[in-house]
């Protein structure tokens, strides 16, 4: 479909990406619920996405997620109450806390990654493996370009 196509309504790429994102996350959370992780909400993804086994400080997590420290702190508090994450003293600075996944958190994250892989396979069956691979490649390149442009923009002094 193109902008000058007379027979169909042209949709801008961002809303199409939003629809795909919504479909993917709806399916993820449906399957997570079936597997006993129904308490995980989409907003919790900003924690699961960036917390690795060694853990991360809240300020760094908020920066990585692109949210306020307060917002991410609320997600962390939710996940901590549900047993998915824990706060432990930072060995480099005992006053600071490191947020890390508990064993249940690791299991949930691994399960989510398996579900995401299954969703990609399902999409490949529906529209073709080559198209999904090309989409993934294009989005990974765009992600890298955007990440670099944000890094450069934040490093550039204000005039």
C-alpha atoms as a PDB file:
ATOM      1  CA  UNK A   1       0.000   0.000   0.000  1.00  0.00           C
ATOM      2  CA  UNK A   2       1.329   3.417  -0.868  1.00  0.00           C
ATOM      3  CA  UNK A   3       0.424   7.004  -0.160  1.00  0.00           C
ATOM      4  CA  UNK A   4      -1.008   7.447  -3.659  1.00  0.00           C
ATOM      5  CA  UNK A   5      -3.075   4.236  -3.669  1.00  0.00           C
ATOM      6  CA  UNK A   6      -6.639   5.235  -4.696  1.00  0.00           C
ATOM      7  CA  UNK A   7      -8.431   2.103  -3.454  1.00  0.00           C
ATOM      8  CA  UNK A   8      -7.242   1.815   0.119  1.00  0.00           C
ATOM      9  CA  UNK A   9      -6.666   4.093   3.047  1.00  0.00           C
ATOM     10  CA  UNK A  10      -3.013   4.834   3.621  1.00  0.00           C
ATOM     11  CA  UNK A  11      -1.908   4.452   7.231  1.00  0.00           C
ATOM     12  CA  UNK A  12       1.264   6.066   8.554  1.00  0.00           C
ATOM     13  CA  UNK A  13       3.931   3.679   9.765  1.00  0.00           C
ATOM     14  CA  UNK A  14       3.850   4.645  13.490  1.00  0.00           C
ATOM     15  CA  UNK A  15       0.176   3.625  13.934  1.00  0.00           C
ATOM     16  CA  UNK A  16       0.841   0.375  12.076  1.00  0.00           C
ATOM     17  CA  UNK A  17       3.749  -0.301  14.440  1.00  0.00           C
ATOM     18  CA  UNK A  18       1.505   0.571  17.395  1.00  0.00           C
ATOM     19  CA  UNK A  19      -1.090  -1.972  16.202  1.00  0.00           C
ATOM     20  CA  UNK A  20       1.585  -4.670  15.869  1.00  0.00           C
ATOM     21  CA  UNK A  21       2.954  -3.781  19.300  1.00  0.00           C
ATOM     22  CA  UNK A  22      -0.508  -3.980  20.869  1.00  0.00           C
ATOM     23  CA  UNK A  23      -1.202  -7.339  19.226  1.00  0.00           C
ATOM     24  CA  UNK A  24       2.140  -8.727  20.388  1.00  0.00           C
ATOM     25  CA  UNK A  25       1.764  -7.524  23.969  1.00  0.00           C
ATOM     26  CA  UNK A  26      -1.862  -8.650  24.189  1.00  0.00           C
ATOM     27  CA  UNK A  27      -0.777 -12.134  23.129  1.00  0.00           C
ATOM     28  CA  UNK A  28       2.205 -12.059  25.510  1.00  0.00           C
ATOM     29  CA  UNK A  29       0.042 -11.191  28.508  1.00  0.00           C
ATOM     30  CA  UNK A  30      -2.653 -13.688  27.562  1.00  0.00           C
ATOM     31  CA  UNK A  31      -0.061 -16.476  27.470  1.00  0.00           C
ATOM     32  CA  UNK A  32       1.710 -15.255  30.621  1.00  0.00           C
ATOM     33  CA  UNK A  33      -1.622 -15.394  32.464  1.00  0.00           C
ATOM     34  CA  UNK A  34      -2.194 -18.963  31.231  1.00  0.00           C
ATOM     35  CA  UNK A  35       1.207 -19.906  32.664  1.00  0.00           C
ATOM     36  CA  UNK A  36       0.647 -18.372  36.093  1.00  0.00           C
ATOM     37  CA  UNK A  37       2.047 -14.885  35.568  1.00  0.00           C
ATOM     38  CA  UNK A  38      -1.256 -13.033  35.236  1.00  0.00           C
ATOM     39  CA  UNK A  39      -0.188 -10.391  37.726  1.00  0.00           C
ATOM     40  CA  UNK A  40       2.461  -8.983  35.370  1.00  0.00           C
ATOM     41  CA  UNK A  41       1.223  -5.859  33.600  1.00  0.00           C
ATOM     42  CA  UNK A  42       2.584  -4.269  30.446  1.00  0.00           C
ATOM     43  CA  UNK A  43       4.101  -1.409  32.453  1.00  0.00           C
ATOM     44  CA  UNK A  44       6.268  -3.891  34.322  1.00  0.00           C
ATOM     45  CA  UNK A  45       8.094  -4.532  31.072  1.00  0.00           C
ATOM     46  CA  UNK A  46      10.343  -1.530  31.664  1.00  0.00           C
ATOM     47  CA  UNK A  47      11.790  -3.406  34.627  1.00  0.00           C
ATOM     48  CA  UNK A  48      11.996  -6.869  33.083  1.00  0.00           C
ATOM     49  CA  UNK A  49      13.547  -5.479  29.901  1.00  0.00           C
ATOM     50  CA  UNK A  50      16.512  -3.845  31.620  1.00  0.00           C
ATOM     51  CA  UNK A  51      17.184  -5.801  34.815  1.00  0.00           C
ATOM     52  CA  UNK A  52      19.804  -8.462  34.195  1.00  0.00           C
ATOM     53  CA  UNK A  53      21.084 -11.066  36.662  1.00  0.00           C
ATOM     54  CA  UNK A  54      23.655  -8.714  38.238  1.00  0.00           C
ATOM     55  CA  UNK A  55      20.944  -6.104  38.830  1.00  0.00           C
ATOM     56  CA  UNK A  56      20.785  -2.352  38.299  1.00  0.00           C
ATOM     57  CA  UNK A  57      20.311   0.791  40.362  1.00  0.00           C
ATOM     58  CA  UNK A  58      16.916   2.481  40.179  1.00  0.00           C
ATOM     59  CA  UNK A  59      18.349   5.685  38.682  1.00  0.00           C
ATOM     60  CA  UNK A  60      20.051   3.703  35.906  1.00  0.00           C
ATOM     61  CA  UNK A  61      16.918   1.627  35.327  1.00  0.00           C
ATOM     62  CA  UNK A  62      14.793   4.766  34.977  1.00  0.00           C
ATOM     63  CA  UNK A  63      17.268   6.249  32.506  1.00  0.00           C
ATOM     64  CA  UNK A  64      17.380   3.047  30.431  1.00  0.00           C
ATOM     65  CA  UNK A  65      13.588   2.797  30.417  1.00  0.00           C
ATOM     66  CA  UNK A  66      13.109   6.464  29.582  1.00  0.00           C
ATOM     67  CA  UNK A  67      10.747   7.002  32.523  1.00  0.00           C
ATOM     68  CA  UNK A  68      10.938   9.028  35.697  1.00  0.00           C
ATOM     69  CA  UNK A  69      12.626   7.513  38.729  1.00  0.00           C
ATOM     70  CA  UNK A  70       9.307   7.771  40.566  1.00  0.00           C
ATOM     71  CA  UNK A  71       7.363   5.873  37.868  1.00  0.00           C
ATOM     72  CA  UNK A  72       9.935   3.101  37.621  1.00  0.00           C
ATOM     73  CA  UNK A  73      10.112   2.972  41.426  1.00  0.00           C
ATOM     74  CA  UNK A  74       6.379   2.226  41.504  1.00  0.00           C
ATOM     75  CA  UNK A  75       6.806  -0.613  39.006  1.00  0.00           C
ATOM     76  CA  UNK A  76       9.716  -1.982  41.036  1.00  0.00           C
ATOM     77  CA  UNK A  77       7.647  -1.780  44.238  1.00  0.00           C
ATOM     78  CA  UNK A  78       4.805  -3.693  42.531  1.00  0.00           C
ATOM     79  CA  UNK A  79       7.169  -6.394  41.287  1.00  0.00           C
ATOM     80  CA  UNK A  80       8.925  -6.592  44.643  1.00  0.00           C
ATOM     81  CA  UNK A  81       5.591  -7.128  46.427  1.00  0.00           C
ATOM     82  CA  UNK A  82       4.755  -9.891  43.926  1.00  0.00           C
ATOM     83  CA  UNK A  83       8.121 -11.598  44.417  1.00  0.00           C
ATOM     84  CA  UNK A  84       9.665 -10.909  40.997  1.00  0.00           C
ATOM     85  CA  UNK A  85      12.440  -8.528  42.081  1.00  0.00           C
ATOM     86  CA  UNK A  86      14.379  -7.734  45.221  1.00  0.00           C
ATOM     87  CA  UNK A  87      16.423  -4.787  46.387  1.00  0.00           C
ATOM     88  CA  UNK A  88      19.835  -5.627  47.798  1.00  0.00           C
ATOM     89  CA  UNK A  89      22.727  -3.456  48.984  1.00  0.00           C
ATOM     90  CA  UNK A  90      25.039  -2.302  46.208  1.00  0.00           C
ATOM     91  CA  UNK A  91      28.470  -3.820  46.945  1.00  0.00           C
ATOM     92  CA  UNK A  92      30.124  -0.688  45.530  1.00  0.00           C
ATOM     93  CA  UNK A  93      28.083   1.676  47.724  1.00  0.00           C
ATOM     94  CA  UNK A  94      26.264   0.194  50.721  1.00  0.00           C
ATOM     95  CA  UNK A  95      23.929   3.206  50.860  1.00  0.00           C
ATOM     96  CA  UNK A  96      22.581   2.408  47.402  1.00  0.00           C
ATOM     97  CA  UNK A  97      20.333  -0.494  46.409  1.00  0.00           C
ATOM     98  CA  UNK A  98      20.545  -2.815  43.449  1.00  0.00           C
ATOM     99  CA  UNK A  99      17.356  -4.141  41.912  1.00  0.00           C
ATOM    100  CA  UNK A 100      17.655  -7.695  40.686  1.00  0.00           C
ATOM    101  CA  UNK A 101      15.348 -10.468  39.602  1.00  0.00           C
ATOM    102  CA  UNK A 102      14.416 -13.189  42.058  1.00  0.00           C
ATOM    103  CA  UNK A 103      14.265 -16.772  40.826  1.00  0.00           C
ATOM    104  CA  UNK A 104      10.562 -16.210  40.059  1.00  0.00           C
ATOM    105  CA  UNK A 105      11.516 -13.056  38.156  1.00  0.00           C
ATOM    106  CA  UNK A 106      14.122 -14.931  36.124  1.00  0.00           C
ATOM    107  CA  UNK A 107      11.539 -17.629  35.309  1.00  0.00           C
ATOM    108  CA  UNK A 108       8.982 -14.992  34.275  1.00  0.00           C
ATOM    109  CA  UNK A 109      11.499 -13.170  32.066  1.00  0.00           C
ATOM    110  CA  UNK A 110      12.626 -16.422  30.412  1.00  0.00           C
ATOM    111  CA  UNK A 111       8.985 -17.403  29.871  1.00  0.00           C
ATOM    112  CA  UNK A 112       8.239 -14.014  28.296  1.00  0.00           C
ATOM    113  CA  UNK A 113      11.215 -14.344  25.968  1.00  0.00           C
ATOM    114  CA  UNK A 114      10.010 -17.802  24.884  1.00  0.00           C
ATOM    115  CA  UNK A 115       6.541 -16.379  24.241  1.00  0.00           C
ATOM    116  CA  UNK A 116       7.978 -13.489  22.214  1.00  0.00           C
ATOM    117  CA  UNK A 117       9.917 -16.004  20.094  1.00  0.00           C
ATOM    118  CA  UNK A 118       6.730 -18.020  19.567  1.00  0.00           C
ATOM    119  CA  UNK A 119       4.852 -14.862  18.530  1.00  0.00           C
ATOM    120  CA  UNK A 120       7.563 -14.086  15.954  1.00  0.00           C
ATOM    121  CA  UNK A 121       7.286 -17.647  14.613  1.00  0.00           C
ATOM    122  CA  UNK A 122       3.511 -17.264  14.424  1.00  0.00           C
ATOM    123  CA  UNK A 123       3.866 -13.995  12.518  1.00  0.00           C
ATOM    124  CA  UNK A 124       6.378 -15.657  10.179  1.00  0.00           C
ATOM    125  CA  UNK A 125       3.808 -18.357   9.430  1.00  0.00           C
ATOM    126  CA  UNK A 126       1.185 -15.703   8.688  1.00  0.00           C
ATOM    127  CA  UNK A 127       3.156 -13.257   6.539  1.00  0.00           C
ATOM    128  CA  UNK A 128       6.353 -15.135   5.668  1.00  0.00           C
ATOM    129  CA  UNK A 129       9.658 -15.665   7.409  1.00  0.00           C
ATOM    130  CA  UNK A 130      11.462 -13.343   5.006  1.00  0.00           C
ATOM    131  CA  UNK A 131       9.117 -10.458   5.802  1.00  0.00           C
ATOM    132  CA  UNK A 132       9.474 -10.950   9.547  1.00  0.00           C
ATOM    133  CA  UNK A 133      13.259 -11.155   9.198  1.00  0.00           C
ATOM    134  CA  UNK A 134      13.285  -7.965   7.089  1.00  0.00           C
ATOM    135  CA  UNK A 135      11.032  -6.206   9.592  1.00  0.00           C
ATOM    136  CA  UNK A 136      13.263  -7.267  12.461  1.00  0.00           C
ATOM    137  CA  UNK A 137      16.380  -6.090  10.607  1.00  0.00           C
ATOM    138  CA  UNK A 138      14.830  -2.724   9.748  1.00  0.00           C
ATOM    139  CA  UNK A 139      13.582  -2.131  13.301  1.00  0.00           C
ATOM    140  CA  UNK A 140      16.906  -3.172  14.849  1.00  0.00           C
ATOM    141  CA  UNK A 141      18.692  -0.700  12.545  1.00  0.00           C
ATOM    142  CA  UNK A 142      16.216   2.051  13.383  1.00  0.00           C
ATOM    143  CA  UNK A 143      16.596   1.273  17.103  1.00  0.00           C
ATOM    144  CA  UNK A 144      20.357   1.591  16.826  1.00  0.00           C
ATOM    145  CA  UNK A 145      20.175   4.841  14.838  1.00  0.00           C
ATOM    146  CA  UNK A 146      17.691   6.349  17.312  1.00  0.00           C
ATOM    147  CA  UNK A 147      19.748   5.173  20.305  1.00  0.00           C
ATOM    148  CA  UNK A 148      22.865   6.741  18.827  1.00  0.00           C
ATOM    149  CA  UNK A 149      21.084   9.980  17.962  1.00  0.00           C
ATOM    150  CA  UNK A 150      19.777  10.260  21.541  1.00  0.00           C
ATOM    151  CA  UNK A 151      23.275   9.560  22.883  1.00  0.00           C
ATOM    152  CA  UNK A 152      24.784  12.241  20.655  1.00  0.00           C
ATOM    153  CA  UNK A 153      21.987  14.718  21.477  1.00  0.00           C
ATOM    154  CA  UNK A 154      22.410  14.220  25.232  1.00  0.00           C
ATOM    155  CA  UNK A 155      26.186  14.605  24.933  1.00  0.00           C
ATOM    156  CA  UNK A 156      25.915  17.837  22.933  1.00  0.00           C
ATOM    157  CA  UNK A 157      26.132  20.925  25.162  1.00  0.00           C
ATOM    158  CA  UNK A 158      23.117  23.230  25.044  1.00  0.00           C
ATOM    159  CA  UNK A 159      23.722  26.552  23.315  1.00  0.00           C
END
